[in-house]
Amino acid sequence: MDTTQLLKGALDTAVLAVVQHDDGYGYDIVRRLRDAGLGDVGDASVYGTLRRLYAAGALSSYVVPSEGGPHRKYYAINPEGRELLAGQRATWAAFATAMSGLLGEPAGAPTHRTRKAGGTGEGSVPASVNVRTIGEKP
């Protein structure tokens, strides 16, 4: 499955989640996202997301000198970012619940529903309705 479009909508949340406990620099954050199972995440997308979240005030940054290489710009979540992440966490939970309901039955529910012609109560249809199985020809 191509996860590119799904990832676009969730990358802000994923980046905030990655730095909620440990600050990180660009490539470190990319690596942590990939290690978490987001293998399709692109470097440029993450760097763009970091810049956007920083500009929005959700992240702060600081530079750490590196021995044997260029200085690294670290990103840290700040109180505004934690508040944003909390809201995104609640939104994600509601979205995941809705999608789970659409994609499959919750645990413990019947595996299928049958509608009976001429029956009464929930799951019934009037006797005048011709009930067919999917794929059955009229």
C-alpha atoms as a PDB file:
ATOM      1  CA  MET A   1       0.000   0.000   0.000  1.00  0.00           C
ATOM      2  CA  ASP A   2       1.289   3.451  -0.861  1.00  0.00           C
ATOM      3  CA  THR A   3       1.319   5.326   2.432  1.00  0.00           C
ATOM      4  CA  THR A   4       2.476   8.668   1.004  1.00  0.00           C
ATOM      5  CA  GLN A   5      -0.882  10.439   1.350  1.00  0.00           C
ATOM      6  CA  LEU A   6      -1.541   8.982   4.802  1.00  0.00           C
ATOM      7  CA  LEU A   7       1.906  10.047   5.922  1.00  0.00           C
ATOM      8  CA  LYS A   8       1.446  13.613   4.666  1.00  0.00           C
ATOM      9  CA  GLY A   9      -1.524  14.083   6.946  1.00  0.00           C
ATOM     10  CA  ALA A  10       0.164  12.558   9.970  1.00  0.00           C
ATOM     11  CA  LEU A  11       3.749  13.790   9.699  1.00  0.00           C
ATOM     12  CA  ASP A  12       3.336  16.782  12.025  1.00  0.00           C
ATOM     13  CA  THR A  13       1.944  14.486  14.708  1.00  0.00           C
ATOM     14  CA  ALA A  14       4.645  11.871  14.127  1.00  0.00           C
ATOM     15  CA  VAL A  15       7.471  14.415  14.377  1.00  0.00           C
ATOM     16  CA  LEU A  16       6.056  15.934  17.570  1.00  0.00           C
ATOM     17  CA  ALA A  17       5.659  12.436  19.025  1.00  0.00           C
ATOM     18  CA  VAL A  18       9.271  11.558  18.199  1.00  0.00           C
ATOM     19  CA  VAL A  19      10.687  14.615  19.983  1.00  0.00           C
ATOM     20  CA  GLN A  20       8.268  14.613  22.925  1.00  0.00           C
ATOM     21  CA  HIS A  21      10.770  12.735  25.133  1.00  0.00           C
ATOM     22  CA  ASP A  22      14.126  13.285  23.425  1.00  0.00           C
ATOM     23  CA  ASP A  23      15.313  16.226  21.353  1.00  0.00           C
ATOM     24  CA  GLY A  24      16.702  15.365  17.948  1.00  0.00           C
ATOM     25  CA  TYR A  25      18.402  16.757  14.874  1.00  0.00           C
ATOM     26  CA  GLY A  26      17.043  16.340  11.355  1.00  0.00           C
ATOM     27  CA  TYR A  27      18.532  13.037  10.265  1.00  0.00           C
ATOM     28  CA  ASP A  28      18.125  11.564  13.766  1.00  0.00           C
ATOM     29  CA  ILE A  29      14.400  12.336  13.610  1.00  0.00           C
ATOM     30  CA  VAL A  30      14.139  10.766  10.139  1.00  0.00           C
ATOM     31  CA  ARG A  31      15.883   7.623  11.435  1.00  0.00           C
ATOM     32  CA  ARG A  32      13.610   7.414  14.484  1.00  0.00           C
ATOM     33  CA  LEU A  33      10.498   7.771  12.318  1.00  0.00           C
ATOM     34  CA  ARG A  34      11.735   4.989  10.026  1.00  0.00           C
ATOM     35  CA  ASP A  35      12.612   2.790  12.999  1.00  0.00           C
ATOM     36  CA  ALA A  36       9.040   3.302  14.239  1.00  0.00           C
ATOM     37  CA  GLY A  37       7.704   1.817  11.000  1.00  0.00           C
ATOM     38  CA  LEU A  38       7.363   4.894   8.768  1.00  0.00           C
ATOM     39  CA  GLY A  39       9.844   3.631   6.201  1.00  0.00           C
ATOM     40  CA  ASP A  40       8.360   5.725   3.397  1.00  0.00           C
ATOM     41  CA  VAL A  41       9.115   9.034   5.125  1.00  0.00           C
ATOM     42  CA  GLY A  42      11.316  11.281   3.007  1.00  0.00           C
ATOM     43  CA  ASP A  43      14.156  13.396   4.336  1.00  0.00           C
ATOM     44  CA  ALA A  44      12.865  16.543   2.597  1.00  0.00           C
ATOM     45  CA  SER A  45       9.369  16.037   4.027  1.00  0.00           C
ATOM     46  CA  VAL A  46      10.713  15.775   7.567  1.00  0.00           C
ATOM     47  CA  TYR A  47      12.971  18.814   7.200  1.00  0.00           C
ATOM     48  CA  GLY A  48      10.042  20.811   5.807  1.00  0.00           C
ATOM     49  CA  THR A  49       7.861  19.666   8.694  1.00  0.00           C
ATOM     50  CA  LEU A  50      10.541  20.672  11.216  1.00  0.00           C
ATOM     51  CA  ARG A  51      10.764  24.153   9.676  1.00  0.00           C
ATOM     52  CA  ARG A  52       6.963  24.515   9.648  1.00  0.00           C
ATOM     53  CA  LEU A  53       6.551  23.361  13.263  1.00  0.00           C
ATOM     54  CA  TYR A  54       9.385  25.662  14.350  1.00  0.00           C
ATOM     55  CA  ALA A  55       7.813  28.628  12.531  1.00  0.00           C
ATOM     56  CA  ALA A  56       4.439  27.801  14.127  1.00  0.00           C
ATOM     57  CA  GLY A  57       6.011  27.933  17.587  1.00  0.00           C
ATOM     58  CA  ALA A  58       5.587  24.224  18.382  1.00  0.00           C
ATOM     59  CA  LEU A  59       9.333  23.496  18.427  1.00  0.00           C
ATOM     60  CA  SER A  60      12.382  25.331  19.679  1.00  0.00           C
ATOM     61  CA  SER A  61      15.874  24.720  18.344  1.00  0.00           C
ATOM     62  CA  TYR A  62      19.490  24.959  19.424  1.00  0.00           C
ATOM     63  CA  VAL A  63      22.829  24.224  17.780  1.00  0.00           C
ATOM     64  CA  VAL A  64      25.329  21.698  19.112  1.00  0.00           C
ATOM     65  CA  PRO A  65      28.898  21.660  17.795  1.00  0.00           C
ATOM     66  CA  SER A  66      29.861  18.330  16.297  1.00  0.00           C
ATOM     67  CA  GLU A  67      33.305  16.793  16.439  1.00  0.00           C
ATOM     68  CA  GLY A  68      34.426  15.944  12.928  1.00  0.00           C
ATOM     69  CA  GLY A  69      31.434  17.370  11.119  1.00  0.00           C
ATOM     70  CA  PRO A  70      29.067  20.287  10.770  1.00  0.00           C
ATOM     71  CA  HIS A  71      27.159  21.640  13.761  1.00  0.00           C
ATOM     72  CA  ARG A  72      23.805  19.974  14.348  1.00  0.00           C
ATOM     73  CA  LYS A  73      20.565  21.852  14.811  1.00  0.00           C
ATOM     74  CA  TYR A  74      18.503  20.089  17.453  1.00  0.00           C
ATOM     75  CA  TYR A  75      14.747  20.466  17.801  1.00  0.00           C
ATOM     76  CA  ALA A  76      12.866  20.275  21.087  1.00  0.00           C
ATOM     77  CA  ILE A  77       9.155  20.270  21.745  1.00  0.00           C
ATOM     78  CA  ASN A  78       7.995  23.238  23.825  1.00  0.00           C
ATOM     79  CA  PRO A  79       4.754  23.840  25.791  1.00  0.00           C
ATOM     80  CA  GLU A  80       2.900  24.985  22.648  1.00  0.00           C
ATOM     81  CA  GLY A  81       4.045  21.845  20.859  1.00  0.00           C
ATOM     82  CA  ARG A  82       2.934  19.630  23.744  1.00  0.00           C
ATOM     83  CA  GLU A  83      -0.480  21.261  23.652  1.00  0.00           C
ATOM     84  CA  LEU A  84      -0.665  20.749  19.886  1.00  0.00           C
ATOM     85  CA  LEU A  85       0.393  17.111  20.263  1.00  0.00           C
ATOM     86  CA  ALA A  86      -2.251  16.498  22.931  1.00  0.00           C
ATOM     87  CA  GLY A  87      -4.939  17.828  20.587  1.00  0.00           C
ATOM     88  CA  GLN A  88      -3.602  15.773  17.691  1.00  0.00           C
ATOM     89  CA  ARG A  89      -3.495  12.669  19.887  1.00  0.00           C
ATOM     90  CA  ALA A  90      -7.199  13.083  20.715  1.00  0.00           C
ATOM     91  CA  THR A  91      -8.063  13.736  17.073  1.00  0.00           C
ATOM     92  CA  TRP A  92      -6.082  10.684  15.970  1.00  0.00           C
ATOM     93  CA  ALA A  93      -7.795   8.448  18.540  1.00  0.00           C
ATOM     94  CA  ALA A  94     -11.245   9.522  17.321  1.00  0.00           C
ATOM     95  CA  PHE A  95     -10.202   9.084  13.684  1.00  0.00           C
ATOM     96  CA  ALA A  96      -8.719   5.628  14.344  1.00  0.00           C
ATOM     97  CA  THR A  97     -11.906   4.546  16.117  1.00  0.00           C
ATOM     98  CA  ALA A  98     -14.055   5.735  13.212  1.00  0.00           C
ATOM     99  CA  MET A  99     -11.853   4.015  10.629  1.00  0.00           C
ATOM    100  CA  SER A 100     -11.770   0.787  12.632  1.00  0.00           C
ATOM    101  CA  GLY A 101     -15.547   0.800  12.644  1.00  0.00           C
ATOM    102  CA  LEU A 102     -15.609   1.308   8.883  1.00  0.00           C
ATOM    103  CA  LEU A 103     -12.927  -1.238   8.060  1.00  0.00           C
ATOM    104  CA  GLY A 104     -13.906  -4.041  10.362  1.00  0.00           C
ATOM    105  CA  GLU A 105     -16.081  -5.083  13.225  1.00  0.00           C
ATOM    106  CA  PRO A 106     -14.919  -4.294  16.750  1.00  0.00           C
ATOM    107  CA  ALA A 107     -13.678  -7.217  18.832  1.00  0.00           C
ATOM    108  CA  GLY A 108     -16.497  -9.444  20.065  1.00  0.00           C
ATOM    109  CA  ALA A 109     -19.018  -8.304  17.453  1.00  0.00           C
ATOM    110  CA  PRO A 110     -20.714 -10.713  15.057  1.00  0.00           C
ATOM    111  CA  THR A 111     -18.680 -11.367  11.936  1.00  0.00           C
ATOM    112  CA  HIS A 112     -21.630 -10.601   9.627  1.00  0.00           C
ATOM    113  CA  ARG A 113     -25.190  -9.371   9.710  1.00  0.00           C
ATOM    114  CA  THR A 114     -28.095 -11.040   8.003  1.00  0.00           C
ATOM    115  CA  ARG A 115     -31.243  -9.239   6.911  1.00  0.00           C
ATOM    116  CA  LYS A 116     -34.374 -11.327   6.809  1.00  0.00           C
ATOM    117  CA  ALA A 117     -37.209 -10.590   4.397  1.00  0.00           C
ATOM    118  CA  GLY A 118     -40.545 -10.299   6.147  1.00  0.00           C
ATOM    119  CA  GLY A 119     -39.066 -10.374   9.625  1.00  0.00           C
ATOM    120  CA  THR A 120     -39.569  -7.871  12.372  1.00  0.00           C
ATOM    121  CA  GLY A 121     -37.053  -5.926  14.405  1.00  0.00           C
ATOM    122  CA  GLU A 122     -33.525  -4.750  13.718  1.00  0.00           C
ATOM    123  CA  GLY A 123     -31.927  -6.247  10.615  1.00  0.00           C
ATOM    124  CA  SER A 124     -35.240  -7.016   8.953  1.00  0.00           C
ATOM    125  CA  VAL A 125     -36.576  -5.709   5.665  1.00  0.00           C
ATOM    126  CA  PRO A 126     -40.195  -5.724   4.444  1.00  0.00           C
ATOM    127  CA  ALA A 127     -41.358  -8.950   2.740  1.00  0.00           C
ATOM    128  CA  SER A 128     -41.906  -6.976  -0.478  1.00  0.00           C
ATOM    129  CA  VAL A 129     -38.139  -6.385  -0.785  1.00  0.00           C
ATOM    130  CA  ASN A 130     -36.198  -8.941  -2.801  1.00  0.00           C
ATOM    131  CA  VAL A 131     -33.107  -9.805  -0.715  1.00  0.00           C
ATOM    132  CA  ARG A 132     -30.105 -11.189  -2.631  1.00  0.00           C
ATOM    133  CA  THR A 133     -26.590 -12.148  -1.732  1.00  0.00           C
ATOM    134  CA  ILE A 134     -23.846  -9.960  -3.168  1.00  0.00           C
ATOM    135  CA  GLY A 135     -22.872 -11.314  -6.563  1.00  0.00           C
ATOM    136  CA  GLU A 136     -26.149 -13.200  -6.961  1.00  0.00           C
ATOM    137  CA  LYS A 137     -27.810 -12.480 -10.288  1.00  0.00           C
ATOM    138  CA  PRO A 138     -31.404 -11.172 -10.305  1.00  0.00           C
END
